Amino acid sequence: MKIKKIIFALALCLIIFTGCQNNPKNNDKANDAKKVSETSEEITIIDAVGREVKLPKVAERVVLENPLPARLYSYINGTDKVVGVSPREERADIRPYALANPEFATIKACGGGNNIENYEDVLLQKPDVFFASNKEDAAAYDKIEEQVGCPVIALDGGRDTMFDEKTYESLYNIGKAVGKEDRAKEVVDYMESIKEDLHNRTKDIPQDEIKTAYAGGLAYKGSHGIEGTRGNYQLFDAVNVKNVVDTDKDGLVEVDKEKLIEWDPEYIFIDLASISLIQEEYNKNPEYFEHLNAFKNNKVYAQLPFIWCQINYDTAIADTYFVGKTCYPEAFSDVDVIDKTNEIYEFLVGKGVYDELAAETFGGFQQITLNDFRDNKFMKVQK
């Protein structure tokens, strides 16, 4: 009898022990512990200047040095986890990411102008990571890291306007740092699908049907007159439009105005960031514009400003669809440019903001005529 009691007690203990082991709550605790362990693993990132940056865990508190990191970050994670920005974010102007995410204006501004310059403010935010850009070398980022007391990741927007591997690398690094790697891949895949779509629509256009065009008044560190343009202009390249500018120089170039008459492009696209300045140019010398065949033939169009606090990739892509639709309407017959623009903004920044941009830029995408200039349609409005 005594032996039976001992056996019964041992069996009962075994049942209890086994039950504890199989208890769903215990399993949940074990899984939670595993998740914590996984998300707490050190993250190693090779940033845009080749620095090896280590984060002890997925970042929960993020500071963005200037509009480039803010823009790229917004494509990946909106404003979530952001605890510090540059004072530039206090005014939305015509940056789509800022218009779509007005919360940027309520986040702590850490001193300076377009860039954060008050590193004491950054320290007070206790960030897990600081995203920065536009420094000369790795040493500059190392110095910032010493001052802000957290890992600093250098980002690079790339040398091309769109579809640049450097841009993609920066998007992936943001995703890795904040645990949004799947979203980063979605964004890169989306941009690559856009690139392929633009190419496929225009790749088979016969050589003798390729349109010639000129982009004037392109913004770069402010607005420019009709002579402000680019030699390497990806918005034309992406849709098989020939740029008449005969230089391969990167970035903004100022051409002789008489060269534009000599080149005589079929189409002219004017950046709305500079349209008021070009209106003033017309008022001073209307005869010049009247010599341009694009104006004579009503083939002058306005595009949204895509360089504003550096490149707004979403707007550049939207402008490219506008260029394609204008020059090759049959190839883009199924595209409503405004709908497409809002689709691009919706995917990248979370909201279609074309109407807001158009309201700030004399109506957005449009044809421009000599009569528009004669009527002073584009005189700058004093606010």
Protein backbone atom coordinates (compact mmCIF):
# COMPACT_ATOMS: atom_id res chain seq x y z
CA MET A 1 0.00 0.00 0.00
CA LYS A 2 2.82 2.34 0.91
CA ILE A 3 4.55 1.58 -2.41
CA LYS A 4 1.34 2.40 -4.30
CA LYS A 5 1.15 5.81 -2.58
CA ILE A 6 4.73 6.56 -3.53
CA ILE A 7 4.10 5.58 -7.15
CA PHE A 8 0.90 7.72 -7.20
CA ALA A 9 2.79 10.74 -5.82
CA LEU A 10 5.54 10.37 -8.39
CA ALA A 11 2.99 10.10 -11.21
CA LEU A 12 1.18 13.21 -9.96
CA CYS A 13 4.41 15.20 -9.91
CA LEU A 14 5.19 14.06 -13.45
CA ILE A 15 1.75 15.19 -14.66
CA ILE A 16 2.11 18.59 -13.00
CA PHE A 17 5.61 19.04 -14.40
CA THR A 18 4.50 18.03 -17.89
CA GLY A 19 1.49 20.32 -17.66
CA CYS A 20 3.70 23.23 -16.75
CA GLN A 21 5.94 22.51 -19.67
CA ASN A 22 2.97 22.46 -22.09
CA ASN A 23 1.11 25.40 -20.54
CA PRO A 24 0.30 27.87 -23.38
CA LYS A 25 1.11 30.80 -21.10
CA ASN A 26 4.55 29.39 -20.47
CA ASN A 27 5.01 28.89 -24.21
CA ASP A 28 3.94 32.49 -24.84
CA LYS A 29 6.49 33.68 -22.30
CA ALA A 30 9.16 31.61 -23.98
CA ASN A 31 8.20 32.99 -27.40
CA ASP A 32 8.19 36.55 -26.06
CA ALA A 33 11.62 35.99 -24.59
CA LYS A 34 12.79 34.66 -27.94
CA LYS A 35 11.39 37.74 -29.73
CA VAL A 36 13.09 40.06 -27.27
CA SER A 37 16.31 38.15 -27.81
CA GLU A 38 15.93 38.37 -31.59
CA THR A 39 15.12 42.10 -31.65
CA SER A 40 17.86 42.82 -29.15
CA GLU A 41 20.55 41.38 -31.37
CA GLU A 42 23.17 43.85 -32.49
CA ILE A 43 22.55 45.34 -35.94
CA THR A 44 25.49 46.09 -38.20
CA ILE A 45 25.07 48.57 -41.05
CA ILE A 46 27.57 49.73 -43.67
CA ASP A 47 26.51 53.31 -44.29
CA ALA A 48 26.77 55.56 -47.34
CA VAL A 49 30.42 56.47 -46.72
CA GLY A 50 31.52 52.93 -45.88
CA ARG A 51 31.48 53.27 -42.09
CA GLU A 52 30.53 50.19 -40.08
CA VAL A 53 27.80 51.33 -37.70
CA LYS A 54 26.53 49.09 -34.93
CA LEU A 55 23.17 49.45 -33.20
CA PRO A 56 22.62 47.37 -30.05
CA LYS A 57 18.99 46.79 -31.06
CA VAL A 58 16.25 48.00 -33.42
CA ALA A 59 16.03 51.77 -32.98
CA GLU A 60 12.98 53.12 -31.16
CA ARG A 61 14.02 56.78 -31.02
CA VAL A 62 15.19 58.45 -34.23
CA VAL A 63 16.59 61.88 -35.09
CA LEU A 64 16.71 63.13 -38.69
CA GLU A 65 19.36 65.72 -39.48
CA ASN A 66 17.85 67.41 -42.54
CA PRO A 67 15.16 67.04 -45.24
CA LEU A 68 16.98 64.28 -47.15
CA PRO A 69 16.94 61.81 -44.23
CA ALA A 70 13.42 62.98 -43.35
CA ARG A 71 12.20 62.32 -46.89
CA LEU A 72 13.78 58.87 -47.18
CA TYR A 73 12.67 57.96 -43.67
CA SER A 74 9.09 59.00 -44.42
CA TYR A 75 9.03 56.53 -47.34
CA ILE A 76 9.86 53.75 -44.90
CA ASN A 77 8.21 54.67 -41.61
CA GLY A 78 6.29 57.95 -41.86
CA THR A 79 6.99 59.90 -38.68
CA ASP A 80 6.87 56.88 -36.37
CA LYS A 81 9.75 56.79 -33.83
CA VAL A 82 11.01 60.25 -34.87
CA VAL A 83 11.88 62.38 -31.83
CA GLY A 84 14.02 65.10 -33.42
CA VAL A 85 14.22 66.97 -36.74
CA SER A 86 15.73 70.10 -38.25
CA PRO A 87 13.85 73.42 -37.98
CA ARG A 88 13.10 73.11 -41.69
CA GLU A 89 10.35 70.64 -40.80
CA GLU A 90 8.41 73.41 -39.04
CA ARG A 91 7.25 74.64 -42.47
CA ALA A 92 5.83 72.20 -45.00
CA ASP A 93 6.24 74.33 -48.22
CA ILE A 94 6.15 72.04 -51.31
CA ARG A 95 7.86 68.90 -50.04
CA PRO A 96 5.35 66.05 -50.50
CA TYR A 97 6.56 64.09 -47.47
CA ALA A 98 6.01 67.14 -45.25
CA LEU A 99 2.58 67.89 -46.71
CA ALA A 100 1.50 64.28 -46.24
CA ASN A 101 2.94 64.06 -42.72
CA PRO A 102 2.17 67.35 -40.93
CA GLU A 103 3.27 65.69 -37.69
CA PHE A 104 6.84 66.55 -38.71
CA ALA A 105 6.07 70.15 -37.77
CA THR A 106 5.21 69.12 -34.19
CA ILE A 107 8.37 67.09 -33.53
CA LYS A 108 11.19 68.68 -31.55
CA ALA A 109 13.27 70.95 -33.82
CA CYS A 110 16.90 70.68 -32.78
CA GLY A 111 18.27 74.03 -33.88
CA GLY A 112 19.95 75.26 -37.04
CA GLY A 113 18.55 75.91 -40.51
CA ASN A 114 18.06 73.11 -43.01
CA ASN A 115 20.41 70.97 -40.90
CA ILE A 116 20.41 70.21 -37.20
CA GLU A 117 23.18 72.19 -35.55
CA ASN A 118 22.28 72.03 -31.85
CA TYR A 119 23.62 68.70 -30.72
CA GLU A 120 22.68 69.38 -27.09
CA ASP A 121 19.04 69.30 -28.21
CA VAL A 122 19.73 65.98 -29.89
CA LEU A 123 21.26 64.56 -26.71
CA LEU A 124 18.16 65.55 -24.74
CA GLN A 125 16.01 63.47 -27.08
CA LYS A 126 18.03 60.36 -26.14
CA PRO A 127 18.01 58.93 -29.68
CA ASP A 128 18.96 55.38 -30.59
CA VAL A 129 20.13 56.50 -34.03
CA PHE A 130 20.85 59.74 -35.90
CA PHE A 131 20.41 59.76 -39.70
CA ALA A 132 22.61 62.34 -41.43
CA SER A 133 23.73 63.26 -44.96
CA ASN A 134 25.78 65.58 -47.18
CA LYS A 135 29.05 65.51 -45.25
CA GLU A 136 32.43 65.53 -46.97
CA ASP A 137 33.88 62.35 -45.49
CA ALA A 138 33.59 59.63 -42.87
CA ALA A 139 35.46 61.72 -40.29
CA ALA A 140 32.67 64.31 -40.32
CA TYR A 141 30.12 61.66 -39.38
CA ASP A 142 32.42 60.28 -36.69
CA LYS A 143 32.64 63.76 -35.17
CA ILE A 144 28.86 64.10 -35.08
CA GLU A 145 28.63 60.68 -33.43
CA GLU A 146 30.87 61.90 -30.63
CA GLN A 147 28.59 64.89 -30.09
CA VAL A 148 25.17 63.24 -30.23
CA GLY A 149 26.02 60.19 -28.14
CA CYS A 150 24.40 57.60 -30.40
CA PRO A 151 25.18 55.75 -33.65
CA VAL A 152 25.17 58.01 -36.72
CA ILE A 153 24.22 56.52 -40.09
CA ALA A 154 25.25 58.41 -43.23
CA LEU A 155 22.67 58.45 -46.02
CA ASP A 156 23.15 59.29 -49.69
CA GLY A 157 20.42 60.41 -52.09
CA GLY A 158 22.47 59.40 -55.13
CA ARG A 159 23.77 61.39 -58.08
CA ASP A 160 20.90 60.59 -60.43
CA THR A 161 17.47 62.13 -60.01
CA MET A 162 15.68 58.79 -59.68
CA PHE A 163 16.36 55.07 -59.50
CA ASP A 164 19.85 55.39 -58.00
CA GLU A 165 21.54 52.50 -56.20
CA LYS A 166 22.82 54.88 -53.51
CA THR A 167 19.25 55.93 -52.78
CA TYR A 168 18.22 52.29 -52.56
CA GLU A 169 21.08 51.46 -50.19
CA SER A 170 20.03 54.30 -47.91
CA LEU A 171 16.41 53.11 -47.91
CA TYR A 172 17.54 49.59 -47.01
CA ASN A 173 19.73 50.91 -44.18
CA ILE A 174 16.85 52.91 -42.72
CA GLY A 175 14.64 49.83 -42.88
CA LYS A 176 17.27 47.70 -41.19
CA ALA A 177 17.84 50.22 -38.40
CA VAL A 178 14.15 50.57 -37.49
CA GLY A 179 12.97 47.03 -38.17
CA LYS A 180 11.20 47.84 -41.44
CA GLU A 181 13.26 45.86 -43.93
CA ASP A 182 10.16 44.50 -45.70
CA ARG A 183 8.86 48.03 -46.28
CA ALA A 184 12.24 49.16 -47.58
CA LYS A 185 12.16 46.34 -50.13
CA GLU A 186 8.62 47.32 -51.14
CA VAL A 187 9.73 50.91 -51.79
CA VAL A 188 12.75 49.89 -53.86
CA ASP A 189 10.70 47.33 -55.81
CA TYR A 190 8.06 49.98 -56.48
CA MET A 191 10.63 52.43 -57.83
CA GLU A 192 12.16 49.75 -60.03
CA SER A 193 8.71 48.80 -61.36
CA ILE A 194 8.12 52.46 -62.27
CA LYS A 195 11.48 52.56 -64.07
CA GLU A 196 10.56 49.46 -66.05
CA ASP A 197 7.10 50.79 -66.90
CA LEU A 198 8.49 54.08 -68.25
CA HIS A 199 11.10 52.21 -70.28
CA ASN A 200 8.68 49.71 -71.75
CA ARG A 201 6.27 52.41 -72.87
CA THR A 202 8.89 54.30 -74.88
CA LYS A 203 11.67 51.86 -75.80
CA ASP A 204 10.29 51.06 -79.28
CA ILE A 205 9.65 54.60 -80.48
CA PRO A 206 11.24 54.92 -83.95
CA GLN A 207 14.33 57.10 -84.11
CA ASP A 208 12.70 59.59 -86.44
CA GLU A 209 9.79 60.05 -84.00
CA ILE A 210 11.85 60.80 -80.90
CA LYS A 211 10.93 64.22 -79.51
CA THR A 212 13.42 66.93 -78.55
CA ALA A 213 12.93 68.95 -75.41
CA TYR A 214 14.49 71.44 -73.02
CA ALA A 215 13.96 71.81 -69.28
CA GLY A 216 14.20 75.42 -68.11
CA GLY A 217 14.11 77.20 -64.78
CA LEU A 218 15.20 74.08 -62.90
CA ALA A 219 15.57 74.80 -59.21
CA TYR A 220 18.85 74.24 -57.42
CA LYS A 221 19.67 76.23 -54.30
CA GLY A 222 16.89 78.56 -55.36
CA SER A 223 15.05 79.37 -58.55
CA HIS A 224 16.70 80.12 -61.91
CA GLY A 225 15.78 81.80 -65.16
CA ILE A 226 14.95 80.05 -68.42
CA GLU A 227 18.69 79.37 -68.86
CA GLY A 228 18.86 77.18 -65.72
CA THR A 229 18.88 73.59 -66.95
CA ARG A 230 20.68 70.22 -66.82
CA GLY A 231 22.76 68.30 -69.31
CA ASN A 232 22.18 64.88 -67.76
CA TYR A 233 18.43 65.00 -67.26
CA GLN A 234 16.97 61.70 -66.20
CA LEU A 235 13.36 62.83 -66.54
CA PHE A 236 13.90 62.94 -70.31
CA ASP A 237 16.16 59.90 -70.48
CA ALA A 238 13.62 57.69 -68.70
CA VAL A 239 11.02 58.23 -71.44
CA ASN A 240 13.30 58.39 -74.48
CA VAL A 241 13.05 62.15 -75.02
CA LYS A 242 16.19 63.80 -76.44
CA ASN A 243 17.59 66.61 -74.32
CA VAL A 244 18.86 69.38 -76.61
CA VAL A 245 21.41 70.58 -74.06
CA ASP A 246 24.83 69.66 -75.44
CA THR A 247 26.76 69.09 -72.24
CA ASP A 248 27.26 66.05 -70.03
CA LYS A 249 27.97 68.15 -66.96
CA ASP A 250 26.12 66.91 -63.89
CA GLY A 251 23.89 69.19 -61.91
CA LEU A 252 22.52 72.58 -62.82
CA VAL A 253 24.11 74.44 -65.73
CA GLU A 254 23.45 77.98 -66.91
CA VAL A 255 23.36 78.08 -70.70
CA ASP A 256 23.54 81.07 -73.01
CA LYS A 257 19.99 82.08 -73.84
CA GLU A 258 20.86 82.33 -77.51
CA LYS A 259 21.82 78.63 -77.45
CA LEU A 260 18.24 77.78 -76.62
CA ILE A 261 17.07 79.53 -79.79
CA GLU A 262 19.79 77.70 -81.72
CA TRP A 263 18.79 74.31 -80.29
CA ASP A 264 15.11 75.05 -81.05
CA PRO A 265 13.53 72.18 -79.06
CA GLU A 266 10.08 70.98 -80.01
CA TYR A 267 9.00 71.00 -76.36
CA ILE A 268 9.98 73.16 -73.40
CA PHE A 269 9.22 72.15 -69.80
CA ILE A 270 9.44 74.88 -67.16
CA ASP A 271 9.89 74.14 -63.48
CA LEU A 272 7.17 75.87 -61.48
CA ALA A 273 9.70 76.69 -58.77
CA SER A 274 11.09 79.34 -61.15
CA ILE A 275 8.01 80.37 -63.11
CA SER A 276 7.70 83.79 -61.44
CA LEU A 277 11.31 84.60 -62.29
CA ILE A 278 10.70 83.57 -65.90
CA GLN A 279 7.56 85.74 -65.93
CA GLU A 280 9.80 88.67 -64.98
CA GLU A 281 12.22 87.73 -67.77
CA TYR A 282 9.38 87.74 -70.25
CA ASN A 283 8.20 91.16 -69.10
CA LYS A 284 11.70 92.56 -69.69
CA ASN A 285 12.24 90.90 -73.07
CA PRO A 286 9.10 89.38 -74.61
CA GLU A 287 10.69 89.22 -78.06
CA TYR A 288 13.13 86.56 -76.88
CA PHE A 289 10.35 84.13 -75.91
CA GLU A 290 8.42 84.92 -79.07
CA HIS A 291 11.40 83.64 -81.11
CA LEU A 292 11.17 80.18 -79.58
CA ASN A 293 9.23 77.75 -81.74
CA ALA A 294 7.99 75.79 -78.72
CA PHE A 295 6.14 78.94 -77.64
CA LYS A 296 4.95 79.68 -81.17
CA ASN A 297 3.55 76.13 -81.47
CA ASN A 298 2.04 75.99 -77.96
CA LYS A 299 4.35 73.22 -76.80
CA VAL A 300 5.51 74.73 -73.53
CA TYR A 301 4.46 73.02 -70.29
CA ALA A 302 4.86 73.48 -66.56
CA GLN A 303 6.06 70.68 -64.29
CA LEU A 304 6.03 70.40 -60.51
CA PRO A 305 9.21 71.47 -58.67
CA PHE A 306 11.07 68.26 -57.87
CA ILE A 307 14.19 69.79 -56.34
CA TRP A 308 13.16 71.50 -53.15
CA CYS A 309 15.34 70.85 -50.13
CA GLN A 310 17.16 68.40 -52.40
CA ILE A 311 15.48 65.84 -54.64
CA ASN A 312 11.86 64.86 -54.10
CA TYR A 313 11.99 61.49 -55.84
CA ASP A 314 8.22 61.10 -55.85
CA THR A 315 7.69 64.39 -57.68
CA ALA A 316 10.51 63.63 -60.13
CA ILE A 317 8.77 60.38 -61.03
CA ALA A 318 5.43 62.16 -61.42
CA ASP A 319 7.04 64.79 -63.66
CA THR A 320 8.49 62.01 -65.81
CA TYR A 321 5.03 60.60 -66.44
CA PHE A 322 3.90 64.12 -67.36
CA VAL A 323 6.78 64.49 -69.82
CA GLY A 324 6.02 61.07 -71.32
CA LYS A 325 2.29 61.74 -71.62
CA THR A 326 2.96 65.15 -73.20
CA CYS A 327 5.54 64.00 -75.76
CA TYR A 328 4.14 60.52 -76.49
CA PRO A 329 0.39 60.62 -75.74
CA GLU A 330 -0.29 57.27 -77.43
CA ALA A 331 2.31 55.45 -75.31
CA PHE A 332 0.67 56.87 -72.17
CA SER A 333 -2.95 56.78 -73.36
CA ASP A 334 -4.03 54.76 -70.32
CA VAL A 335 -2.36 57.12 -67.83
CA ASP A 336 -4.16 59.97 -66.10
CA VAL A 337 -1.17 61.96 -64.90
CA ILE A 338 -2.85 63.48 -61.85
CA ASP A 339 -4.22 60.11 -60.74
CA LYS A 340 -0.78 58.58 -61.27
CA THR A 341 0.86 61.39 -59.31
CA ASN A 342 -1.46 60.82 -56.36
CA GLU A 343 -0.82 57.06 -56.57
CA ILE A 344 2.92 57.72 -56.32
CA TYR A 345 2.50 60.04 -53.35
CA GLU A 346 0.05 57.67 -51.66
CA PHE A 347 2.49 54.78 -51.90
CA LEU A 348 5.62 56.67 -50.86
CA VAL A 349 4.43 59.26 -48.33
CA GLY A 350 1.01 57.93 -47.36
CA LYS A 351 -1.25 60.55 -48.96
CA GLY A 352 -2.03 61.93 -52.41
CA VAL A 353 -0.97 65.56 -52.16
CA TYR A 354 -1.16 66.71 -55.79
CA ASP A 355 -3.97 69.21 -55.09
CA GLU A 356 -2.00 70.80 -52.26
CA LEU A 357 1.09 71.10 -54.47
CA ALA A 358 -0.92 72.48 -57.37
CA ALA A 359 -2.46 75.11 -55.10
CA GLU A 360 1.05 76.29 -54.16
CA THR A 361 2.41 76.26 -57.74
CA PHE A 362 0.02 78.21 -59.97
CA GLY A 363 -2.12 75.16 -60.68
CA GLY A 364 0.41 72.37 -61.16
CA PHE A 365 0.77 70.50 -64.47
CA GLN A 366 -0.38 72.73 -67.32
CA GLN A 367 0.29 74.12 -70.76
CA ILE A 368 1.90 77.57 -70.81
CA THR A 369 1.18 80.05 -73.59
CA LEU A 370 2.58 83.42 -74.50
CA ASN A 371 -0.78 84.87 -73.52
CA ASP A 372 -0.26 83.54 -70.00
CA PHE A 373 2.92 85.61 -69.76
CA ARG A 374 1.28 88.60 -71.40
CA ASP A 375 -1.46 88.43 -68.77
CA ASN A 376 1.13 88.21 -65.98
CA LYS A 377 -0.37 84.93 -64.82
CA PHE A 378 2.81 83.93 -63.01
CA MET A 379 3.61 87.06 -61.04
CA LYS A 380 4.85 86.11 -57.58
CA VAL A 381 2.19 86.42 -54.92
CA GLN A 382 3.39 88.19 -51.80
CA LYS A 383 2.40 86.27 -48.66
